[in-house]
Protein backbone atom coordinates (compact mmCIF):
# COMPACT_ATOMS: atom_id res chain seq x y z
CA MET A 1 -51.76 -27.54 118.88
CA ALA A 2 -54.87 -28.65 116.68
CA HIS A 3 -55.09 -26.82 113.85
CA SER A 4 -58.47 -25.18 112.75
CA LYS A 5 -60.53 -26.46 110.17
CA ASN A 6 -59.65 -23.18 108.13
CA GLN A 7 -56.05 -23.90 108.99
CA GLU A 8 -56.40 -27.93 107.82
CA MET A 9 -58.23 -27.00 104.62
CA ILE A 10 -55.41 -24.82 103.78
CA ASP A 11 -52.71 -26.69 104.57
CA ARG A 12 -54.60 -29.75 102.18
CA CYS A 13 -54.52 -27.75 99.06
CA MET A 14 -51.43 -26.08 99.66
CA ALA A 15 -49.57 -28.88 100.28
CA HIS A 16 -50.45 -29.98 96.34
CA ASN A 17 -52.00 -27.29 94.17
CA PHE A 18 -50.68 -25.04 91.93
CA TRP A 19 -52.06 -22.23 92.22
CA THR A 20 -52.87 -19.46 89.32
CA TRP A 21 -51.45 -15.51 89.62
CA SER A 22 -49.29 -16.43 92.49
CA ALA A 23 -46.46 -16.67 93.78
CA GLN A 24 -46.50 -20.32 95.36
CA LYS A 25 -45.11 -19.92 98.59
CA GLU A 26 -47.10 -16.80 99.46
CA ILE A 27 -50.70 -17.25 98.83
CA GLN A 28 -52.96 -16.84 100.95
CA PRO A 29 -56.23 -19.13 100.06
CA ILE A 30 -59.98 -18.31 101.43
CA PRO A 31 -61.44 -21.32 103.05
CA VAL A 32 -64.98 -21.36 101.73
CA GLN A 33 -67.08 -24.58 102.45
CA ARG A 34 -70.43 -23.15 100.83
CA ALA A 35 -72.40 -20.48 99.55
CA GLU A 36 -76.17 -19.35 98.94
CA GLY A 37 -77.45 -15.98 98.10
CA VAL A 38 -74.72 -13.18 97.82
CA PHE A 39 -73.26 -15.03 101.22
CA PHE A 40 -70.41 -17.35 102.02
CA TRP A 41 -69.03 -19.11 104.46
CA ASP A 42 -65.93 -21.01 105.89
CA PHE A 43 -65.36 -23.96 107.49
CA GLU A 44 -65.69 -22.68 110.97
CA GLY A 45 -69.18 -20.66 110.11
CA LYS A 46 -67.19 -17.41 109.15
CA ARG A 47 -69.94 -15.79 106.46
CA TYR A 48 -68.40 -13.48 103.99
CA LEU A 49 -70.87 -10.55 101.82
CA ASP A 50 -69.56 -11.59 98.40
CA PHE A 51 -68.46 -8.15 96.41
CA ASN A 52 -66.82 -10.07 93.28
CA SER A 53 -68.87 -12.47 92.93
CA MET A 54 -66.70 -14.76 93.20
CA VAL A 55 -64.34 -14.47 90.05
CA MET A 56 -67.41 -11.54 88.53
CA CYS A 57 -69.52 -14.45 87.13
CA SER A 58 -71.66 -15.88 89.44
CA ASN A 59 -74.70 -13.05 88.48
CA ILE A 60 -77.40 -15.04 90.05
CA GLY A 61 -75.48 -15.68 93.55
CA HIS A 62 -75.32 -18.82 94.81
CA GLY A 63 -77.03 -21.65 95.65
CA ASN A 64 -80.15 -21.50 93.75
CA ALA A 65 -82.13 -23.94 93.78
CA GLN A 66 -83.41 -24.35 89.99
CA VAL A 67 -80.07 -24.59 88.42
CA ILE A 68 -78.76 -26.81 90.98
CA ASP A 69 -81.66 -29.53 90.05
CA ALA A 70 -81.56 -28.76 86.46
CA ILE A 71 -77.37 -29.85 86.82
CA CYS A 72 -78.81 -32.99 88.95
CA LYS A 73 -81.68 -34.00 86.45
CA GLN A 74 -79.47 -33.88 83.12
CA ALA A 75 -76.36 -35.45 85.35
CA ARG A 76 -79.07 -38.34 85.50
CA GLU A 77 -80.48 -38.61 81.79
CA LEU A 78 -77.03 -37.38 79.68
CA ALA A 79 -73.81 -36.46 81.55
CA PHE A 80 -72.02 -36.66 78.22
CA ALA A 81 -72.06 -35.96 74.71
CA GLY A 82 -69.82 -35.42 72.12
CA PRO A 83 -68.62 -32.53 69.72
CA HIS A 84 -70.89 -34.10 67.26
CA MET A 85 -73.58 -35.31 68.68
CA ALA A 86 -77.22 -33.28 68.43
CA THR A 87 -79.04 -33.24 71.79
CA GLU A 88 -82.71 -31.87 73.23
CA VAL A 89 -80.09 -29.39 75.67
CA ARG A 90 -77.86 -28.03 73.07
CA ALA A 91 -81.26 -27.26 70.46
CA LYS A 92 -82.42 -25.58 73.82
CA LEU A 93 -79.94 -23.34 74.69
CA LEU A 94 -79.20 -22.31 71.16
CA GLU A 95 -82.79 -21.15 71.21
CA LYS A 96 -82.28 -19.43 74.43
CA LEU A 97 -78.98 -17.72 72.87
CA CYS A 98 -80.93 -16.15 69.76
CA GLU A 99 -83.57 -15.16 71.96
CA VAL A 100 -81.41 -12.45 74.32
CA VAL A 101 -77.79 -11.89 72.34
CA PRO A 102 -77.99 -8.94 69.80
CA GLU A 103 -80.07 -9.04 66.42
CA GLY A 104 -78.30 -10.94 63.90
CA LEU A 105 -75.76 -13.04 65.95
CA ASN A 106 -77.40 -16.45 65.14
CA LYS A 107 -74.57 -19.07 65.23
CA PHE A 108 -72.86 -20.02 68.41
CA LEU A 109 -69.48 -21.89 68.47
CA PHE A 110 -69.26 -23.34 72.18
CA THR A 111 -65.83 -23.33 74.57
CA LEU A 112 -65.20 -23.76 77.88
CA GLY A 113 -64.47 -20.45 79.07
CA GLY A 114 -63.77 -17.14 78.22
CA ALA A 115 -60.02 -17.52 77.00
CA ASP A 116 -60.78 -20.14 74.51
CA ALA A 117 -64.08 -18.51 73.05
CA ASN A 118 -61.58 -15.49 72.49
CA GLU A 119 -58.98 -17.67 71.10
CA ASN A 120 -61.52 -19.03 68.88
CA ALA A 121 -62.60 -16.00 67.74
CA ILE A 122 -59.40 -14.56 66.35
CA LYS A 123 -59.02 -18.09 64.18
CA ILE A 124 -62.61 -17.45 62.91
CA ALA A 125 -62.00 -14.05 62.09
CA ARG A 126 -58.18 -14.53 60.39
CA ALA A 127 -60.02 -17.40 58.54
CA VAL A 128 -62.67 -15.64 56.62
CA THR A 129 -60.73 -12.41 56.54
CA GLY A 130 -57.65 -13.90 55.46
CA LYS A 131 -56.08 -11.08 57.60
CA HIS A 132 -53.57 -11.25 60.10
CA LYS A 133 -53.59 -8.41 62.27
CA ILE A 134 -55.82 -7.74 65.36
CA LEU A 135 -56.52 -4.54 66.70
CA ALA A 136 -57.02 -4.59 70.53
CA ARG A 137 -56.43 -2.30 73.90
CA TYR A 138 -54.58 -1.35 76.29
CA ARG A 139 -55.54 -1.53 80.02
CA SER A 140 -57.46 -4.50 78.49
CA TYR A 141 -57.84 -8.40 79.49
CA HIS A 142 -58.88 -11.12 77.44
CA GLY A 143 -57.70 -14.22 79.20
CA ALA A 144 -54.29 -16.11 80.06
CA SER A 145 -53.99 -18.13 76.92
CA HIS A 146 -52.09 -17.71 74.50
CA GLY A 147 -53.43 -16.03 71.93
CA ALA A 148 -55.86 -14.67 74.36
CA VAL A 149 -53.23 -13.04 76.82
CA ALA A 150 -51.43 -11.34 73.53
CA LEU A 151 -54.69 -9.38 73.68
CA SER A 152 -54.78 -8.49 76.72
CA GLY A 153 -52.94 -4.80 76.89
CA ASP A 154 -52.04 -4.76 80.56
CA LEU A 155 -49.16 -5.83 82.10
CA ARG A 156 -50.18 -9.34 82.76
CA ARG A 157 -49.43 -10.21 79.21
CA VAL A 158 -45.55 -8.56 78.97
CA SER A 159 -44.60 -11.47 81.37
CA TRP A 160 -45.08 -13.78 78.56
CA GLU A 161 -43.37 -11.88 76.44
CA PRO A 162 -42.31 -12.67 73.72
CA ASN A 163 -43.44 -16.02 74.07
CA ILE A 164 -47.11 -15.30 72.39
CA MET A 165 -49.39 -15.12 70.32
CA GLY A 166 -47.70 -12.23 67.20
CA GLY A 167 -50.03 -9.98 64.96
CA VAL A 168 -51.92 -7.19 68.01
CA VAL A 169 -51.54 -3.87 68.11
CA HIS A 170 -52.95 -2.39 70.89
CA PHE A 171 -54.39 1.52 70.83
CA PRO A 172 -55.25 3.81 73.84
CA VAL A 173 -58.88 2.40 75.84
CA THR A 174 -60.68 5.71 76.75
CA TYR A 175 -60.17 6.46 80.28
CA ARG A 176 -61.81 10.04 81.10
CA TYR A 177 -59.92 10.22 84.89
CA ARG A 178 -56.67 9.81 83.50
CA ASP A 179 -56.98 9.65 79.63
CA ASP A 180 -53.41 9.43 78.07
CA LEU A 181 -54.39 10.42 74.65
CA VAL A 182 -56.90 13.17 75.95
CA PRO A 183 -55.53 14.72 78.62
CA ASP A 184 -58.39 17.01 79.18
CA ALA A 185 -60.88 14.11 78.65
CA MET A 186 -62.94 15.45 81.61
CA GLN A 187 -64.13 18.57 80.27
CA LEU A 188 -65.05 17.61 77.25
CA SER A 189 -68.39 16.03 75.87
CA ASP A 190 -69.15 12.34 75.19
CA GLU A 191 -69.13 13.34 71.36
CA VAL A 192 -66.02 14.98 71.10
CA TYR A 193 -64.36 12.54 73.53
CA ALA A 194 -65.05 9.50 71.09
CA ALA A 195 -64.33 11.48 68.45
CA ARG A 196 -60.92 12.05 69.46
CA HIS A 197 -60.27 8.68 70.48
CA LEU A 198 -61.75 7.35 66.83
CA ASP A 199 -59.73 9.36 64.79
CA TYR A 200 -56.23 8.48 66.27
CA LEU A 201 -58.05 4.81 65.46
CA GLU A 202 -58.66 5.29 62.03
CA LYS A 203 -55.05 7.11 61.54
CA LEU A 204 -53.87 3.67 63.28
CA ILE A 205 -56.02 1.45 60.96
CA HIS A 206 -54.37 3.47 57.87
CA TYR A 207 -50.82 3.11 59.36
CA GLU A 208 -51.07 -0.79 60.16
CA GLY A 209 -53.13 -0.94 56.93
CA THR A 210 -55.99 -1.61 55.56
CA ASP A 211 -55.87 -5.01 54.19
CA SER A 212 -53.81 -6.78 57.19
CA ILE A 213 -56.46 -6.29 59.89
CA ALA A 214 -58.92 -8.59 60.29
CA ALA A 215 -60.81 -7.20 63.76
CA ILE A 216 -60.83 -5.31 66.10
CA PHE A 217 -61.26 -7.15 69.58
CA LEU A 218 -62.33 -5.07 72.50
CA GLU A 219 -64.30 -5.08 76.35
CA ALA A 220 -67.20 -3.35 75.29
CA VAL A 221 -66.84 -1.83 79.10
CA THR A 222 -63.54 -2.79 80.35
CA GLY A 223 -63.29 -4.74 83.68
CA THR A 224 -60.07 -5.27 86.07
CA ASN A 225 -58.38 -2.71 84.34
CA GLY A 226 -61.17 -0.17 86.00
CA ILE A 227 -64.88 -0.75 84.86
CA LEU A 228 -64.10 1.81 81.97
CA VAL A 229 -67.47 2.86 80.70
CA PRO A 230 -67.28 4.05 76.79
CA PRO A 231 -68.44 7.55 76.06
CA ASP A 232 -71.47 7.53 73.91
CA GLY A 233 -70.38 7.27 70.58
CA TYR A 234 -67.36 5.47 70.56
CA LEU A 235 -68.19 2.00 70.04
CA GLN A 236 -71.07 2.77 67.46
CA GLY A 237 -67.86 4.83 65.75
CA ILE A 238 -65.40 1.34 66.12
CA ARG A 239 -68.66 -0.22 64.69
CA ALA A 240 -68.29 2.57 61.31
CA LEU A 241 -64.96 2.26 61.71
CA CYS A 242 -65.29 -1.70 61.11
CA ASP A 243 -67.57 -1.19 57.98
CA ARG A 244 -65.97 1.44 56.15
CA TYR A 245 -62.57 -0.71 56.28
CA GLY A 246 -63.83 -4.28 56.17
CA ILE A 247 -62.41 -5.08 60.11
CA LEU A 248 -64.62 -7.55 61.87
CA MET A 249 -66.10 -6.13 65.14
CA ILE A 250 -65.05 -8.36 67.79
CA VAL A 251 -66.66 -7.55 71.34
CA ASP A 252 -65.29 -9.56 74.23
CA GLU A 253 -69.03 -9.79 77.03
CA VAL A 254 -67.06 -12.43 78.86
CA MET A 255 -67.49 -10.33 82.22
CA THR A 256 -70.11 -7.62 81.20
CA GLY A 257 -73.00 -9.95 79.58
CA PHE A 258 -75.94 -11.66 80.60
CA GLY A 259 -77.19 -8.63 83.02
CA ARG A 260 -74.08 -7.36 84.75
CA THR A 261 -73.98 -3.69 83.25
CA GLY A 262 -78.17 -3.98 83.17
CA ALA A 263 -78.33 -4.95 80.00
CA TRP A 264 -77.94 -8.48 78.43
CA PHE A 265 -75.25 -7.07 77.35
CA ALA A 266 -73.37 -4.07 77.74
CA VAL A 267 -73.47 -3.37 73.59
CA ASP A 268 -77.01 -3.17 74.28
CA HIS A 269 -76.73 0.04 75.62
CA TRP A 270 -75.37 1.33 72.47
CA LYS A 271 -76.91 -0.48 70.35
CA VAL A 272 -74.18 -1.98 68.92
CA LYS A 273 -74.37 -4.83 67.12
CA PRO A 274 -70.72 -6.92 66.61
CA ASP A 275 -70.30 -8.95 63.87
CA LEU A 276 -68.46 -11.92 66.52
CA MET A 277 -69.34 -11.54 70.23
CA THR A 278 -67.75 -13.54 72.82
CA MET A 279 -69.49 -14.86 76.42
CA ALA A 280 -68.63 -17.38 79.28
CA LYS A 281 -68.95 -16.37 83.42
CA GLY A 282 -72.71 -14.75 83.83
CA LEU A 283 -73.72 -17.61 80.89
CA THR A 284 -73.83 -20.44 83.30
CA SER A 285 -73.44 -17.97 86.28
CA ALA A 286 -70.22 -20.52 87.07
CA TYR A 287 -72.53 -23.52 87.95
CA ALA A 288 -70.45 -25.17 85.41
CA PRO A 289 -67.75 -24.24 82.85
CA LEU A 290 -68.92 -22.65 79.73
CA GLY A 291 -68.51 -20.22 77.28
CA VAL A 292 -69.44 -19.46 73.52
CA VAL A 293 -68.59 -17.29 70.16
CA GLY A 294 -71.69 -15.83 68.52
CA MET A 295 -70.92 -15.17 64.79
CA ARG A 296 -73.52 -13.74 62.18
CA GLU A 297 -74.59 -16.24 59.73
CA ASP A 298 -72.47 -14.99 56.72
CA ILE A 299 -69.34 -15.43 59.17
CA ALA A 300 -70.46 -19.14 59.90
CA ALA A 301 -71.21 -19.35 56.11
CA TYR A 302 -67.64 -19.24 55.05
CA PHE A 303 -67.10 -22.52 56.97
CA ASP A 304 -70.04 -24.16 55.17
CA HIS A 305 -68.16 -26.29 52.69
CA ARG A 306 -64.53 -25.49 54.24
CA LYS A 307 -63.62 -27.65 57.23
CA PHE A 308 -63.12 -25.86 60.95
CA ASP A 309 -60.09 -27.37 62.02
CA SER A 310 -60.32 -27.05 65.33
CA GLY A 311 -62.09 -28.46 68.48
CA LEU A 312 -62.86 -29.05 71.90
CA THR A 313 -63.64 -32.79 74.00
CA TYR A 314 -66.37 -30.58 75.86
CA ASN A 315 -67.39 -28.86 73.17
CA GLY A 316 -71.21 -30.25 73.45
CA HIS A 317 -71.69 -30.76 77.74
CA PRO A 318 -75.09 -31.41 78.63
CA ILE A 319 -74.58 -30.34 81.91
CA SER A 320 -72.69 -26.92 81.29
CA PHE A 321 -75.02 -26.49 78.60
CA ALA A 322 -78.53 -27.48 81.01
CA ALA A 323 -76.74 -25.18 83.86
CA ALA A 324 -76.53 -22.31 80.95
CA ILE A 325 -81.09 -22.98 80.03
CA ALA A 326 -81.75 -22.33 83.80
CA ASN A 327 -79.58 -19.75 84.49
CA ILE A 328 -81.05 -17.16 81.25
CA ASP A 329 -84.56 -18.75 82.79
CA VAL A 330 -84.22 -17.14 86.17
CA LEU A 331 -82.43 -14.04 84.54
CA GLN A 332 -85.74 -13.83 83.45
CA ALA A 333 -87.74 -15.21 85.62
CA GLN A 334 -86.81 -13.08 88.39
CA ASP A 335 -86.58 -9.85 86.44
CA LEU A 336 -82.61 -9.22 86.93
CA ILE A 337 -82.25 -7.14 84.32
CA ASN A 338 -84.06 -4.87 84.85
CA HIS A 339 -83.22 -4.92 89.19
CA THR A 340 -79.77 -4.52 87.71
CA ARG A 341 -80.50 -1.10 86.15
CA ALA A 342 -82.30 -0.34 88.78
CA MET A 343 -79.64 -0.62 91.41
CA GLN A 344 -77.31 0.95 89.50
CA PRO A 345 -77.92 4.62 90.33
CA ASP A 346 -77.94 3.26 94.09
CA MET A 347 -74.59 1.82 93.78
CA LEU A 348 -73.04 4.98 92.05
CA GLY A 349 -74.37 7.62 94.91
CA LEU A 350 -73.29 4.83 97.71
CA LEU A 351 -69.55 5.36 95.72
CA ASN A 352 -69.87 9.13 95.53
CA GLU A 353 -69.86 9.70 99.41
CA LEU A 354 -67.17 7.13 99.86
CA LYS A 355 -65.38 9.80 97.24
CA LYS A 356 -66.45 13.23 99.01
CA LYS A 357 -65.40 11.64 102.04
CA HIS A 358 -62.18 9.74 101.94
CA PRO A 359 -59.39 11.91 100.03
CA SER A 360 -57.77 9.15 99.16
CA VAL A 361 -61.29 8.20 96.55
CA GLY A 362 -59.99 10.25 93.34
CA ASP A 363 -62.70 8.55 91.19
CA VAL A 364 -65.40 6.10 91.39
CA ARG A 365 -67.29 4.98 88.67
CA GLY A 366 -69.36 2.10 87.08
CA ILE A 367 -72.93 0.58 85.02
CA GLY A 368 -75.52 -1.81 86.35
CA LEU A 369 -73.58 -3.53 89.09
CA PHE A 370 -70.21 -3.16 87.77
CA GLY A 371 -68.46 -0.66 89.90
CA ALA A 372 -64.76 0.78 90.80
CA ILE A 373 -63.19 2.76 93.85
CA GLU A 374 -59.91 4.28 91.54
CA LEU A 375 -57.39 5.67 94.78
CA ILE A 376 -55.11 8.64 95.13
CA LYS A 377 -52.29 9.89 96.69
CA ASP A 378 -53.95 12.98 96.86
CA LYS A 379 -56.85 14.37 95.45
CA LYS A 380 -54.83 17.78 93.85
CA SER A 381 -52.56 15.42 91.65
CA GLY A 382 -54.73 12.73 91.07
CA ILE A 383 -51.21 10.28 91.21
CA PRO A 384 -52.40 6.85 91.17
CA LEU A 385 -51.78 5.31 95.34
CA GLY A 386 -49.85 2.35 93.16
CA ASP A 387 -47.78 2.14 89.78
CA TYR A 388 -49.42 0.79 86.98
CA GLY A 389 -49.28 -3.18 87.12
CA LYS A 390 -48.59 -3.60 90.64
CA THR A 391 -50.59 -3.85 93.75
CA PRO A 392 -49.64 -1.60 96.66
CA THR A 393 -48.75 -3.10 99.95
CA ILE A 394 -51.33 -0.96 101.47
CA LEU A 395 -54.21 -2.04 99.42
CA LYS A 396 -53.42 -5.39 100.40
CA GLU A 397 -54.00 -4.38 103.84
CA LEU A 398 -56.91 -2.79 102.94
CA GLN A 399 -58.32 -6.58 101.96
CA GLU A 400 -56.79 -8.02 104.96
CA PHE A 401 -59.34 -5.74 106.88
CA THR A 402 -62.37 -5.87 104.76
CA LEU A 403 -61.82 -9.89 104.94
CA ALA A 404 -61.79 -9.60 108.68
CA LYS A 405 -64.93 -7.95 108.98
CA GLY A 406 -66.77 -10.45 106.45
CA LEU A 407 -66.10 -8.71 102.59
CA PHE A 408 -64.93 -10.18 99.91
CA HIS A 409 -63.84 -7.63 96.71
CA TYR A 410 -61.60 -7.79 94.52
CA ILE A 411 -58.39 -5.59 94.19
CA HIS A 412 -56.18 -4.28 91.32
CA ASP A 413 -53.70 -2.14 90.65
CA ASN A 414 -55.06 0.87 92.15
CA LEU A 415 -58.76 -0.48 91.89
CA ILE A 416 -61.65 -1.40 94.74
CA LEU A 417 -64.04 -3.60 92.08
CA VAL A 418 -67.66 -3.67 93.68
CA ILE A 419 -68.99 -6.47 91.51
CA PRO A 420 -71.77 -8.23 94.05
CA PRO A 421 -74.67 -11.07 92.67
CA LEU A 422 -77.11 -9.15 90.72
CA ILE A 423 -79.67 -10.34 93.26
CA ILE A 424 -77.71 -8.22 96.01
CA SER A 425 -80.63 -6.17 97.69
CA GLN A 426 -80.10 -2.14 98.82
CA ASP A 427 -79.95 -3.23 102.31
CA GLU A 428 -76.76 -5.97 101.38
CA LEU A 429 -75.24 -3.24 99.16
CA GLU A 430 -75.07 -0.98 102.06
CA MET A 431 -73.83 -3.24 104.27
CA GLY A 432 -70.72 -3.68 102.44
CA ILE A 433 -70.12 -0.56 100.96
CA SER A 434 -70.38 0.42 104.90
CA ILE A 435 -67.31 -1.95 105.36
CA LEU A 436 -65.46 -0.27 102.94
CA ASP A 437 -66.17 3.64 104.46
CA GLU A 438 -64.54 1.95 107.07
CA ALA A 439 -61.43 -0.21 105.62
CA LEU A 440 -60.54 3.28 103.53
CA LYS A 441 -59.45 5.04 106.40
CA ILE A 442 -56.17 2.55 106.13
CA THR A 443 -55.19 4.26 102.73
CA ASP A 444 -56.64 7.80 104.09
CA ALA A 445 -53.84 7.37 106.77
CA ALA A 446 -51.24 6.31 104.57
CA LEU A 447 -51.37 10.17 103.04
């Protein structure tokens, strides 16, 4: 019997591809032929609503002609240039970044993605300060490379221990719904809640030795570990601690940058200016691979007459630069930052309706178009639907159901994430939530 077009593509890829984050014989790849707007299609014409922006990166949506044309034009003119070459497209992107990043970040080191941006931020921080320790948070994710996975505060790090970068000390994240450090967090004001965490962090700084800590490294809003929005005063307090003790503040905006939270960068909501900031994903909306470390000029000046002994072949790739410029132009021309901010009440309203309706939904939260549904065993105890670091079988069954219904989304532990392209309309958002509404009957029935 002849295979379907979808199965043929799966078989061809399974024959030789080595898959990430997967047991090789257990993965079930999703066949994808084309994408446009907030949708993609398989090889047999089935349409899927993309509720994860592929990998939290397609901020402006799929198939944008302006970005594609810019890539093609650049490829015809200059497809590649070496890292030490000055090009028009590099200069334009540098100038464009200066328009949108927090004030004070005006030097940029380009990479190929988020993990290597984070790796280079660590190198720079350690070199400039002469210190070696990095404080990072539990329930965080910063990438899968040697140093980035060491920063990461979830069990994806543990799989590779002890063969990872040393010198990282983890501390608790702000997580109101189930805060290990502050059990009564749900009853506290932002001011008091933030102060409890900051008091702990200041003690940790002293315990570890103020003269040994190069940087505090954190996601402005925790991403795949739960879309954990910090209380007001928290990021400002970390900024103050860094200033007090001569520690660099490095913020990972790989997932939250370029409009995802309803601001250019999540730190903008709290008017916080980091010393270094890492970006990728939404930088090009994944039309081409690119990451970047933004830093203050005085940090970059450390290397004015000292060699920065690191580099990447594709540090100056013109095609990626062209994609980034066009992507930022689209974000500006379509006013997608304001659109995302305006969509936040709609998304949170729909998610709260799910919480009221479904006993398996313990909490919903989000900022901009960056949302999460947290699943539990019962409302009274709030016990997570699955063990930390493991996605329960019932949630995988829910995902199979939603895929069959034409909805693509991400699951992690006991979480369903809602991270659509920023161009999504109210009707499209409601379409996706209605499928999740139906799917949550599966987890409700398992209680």
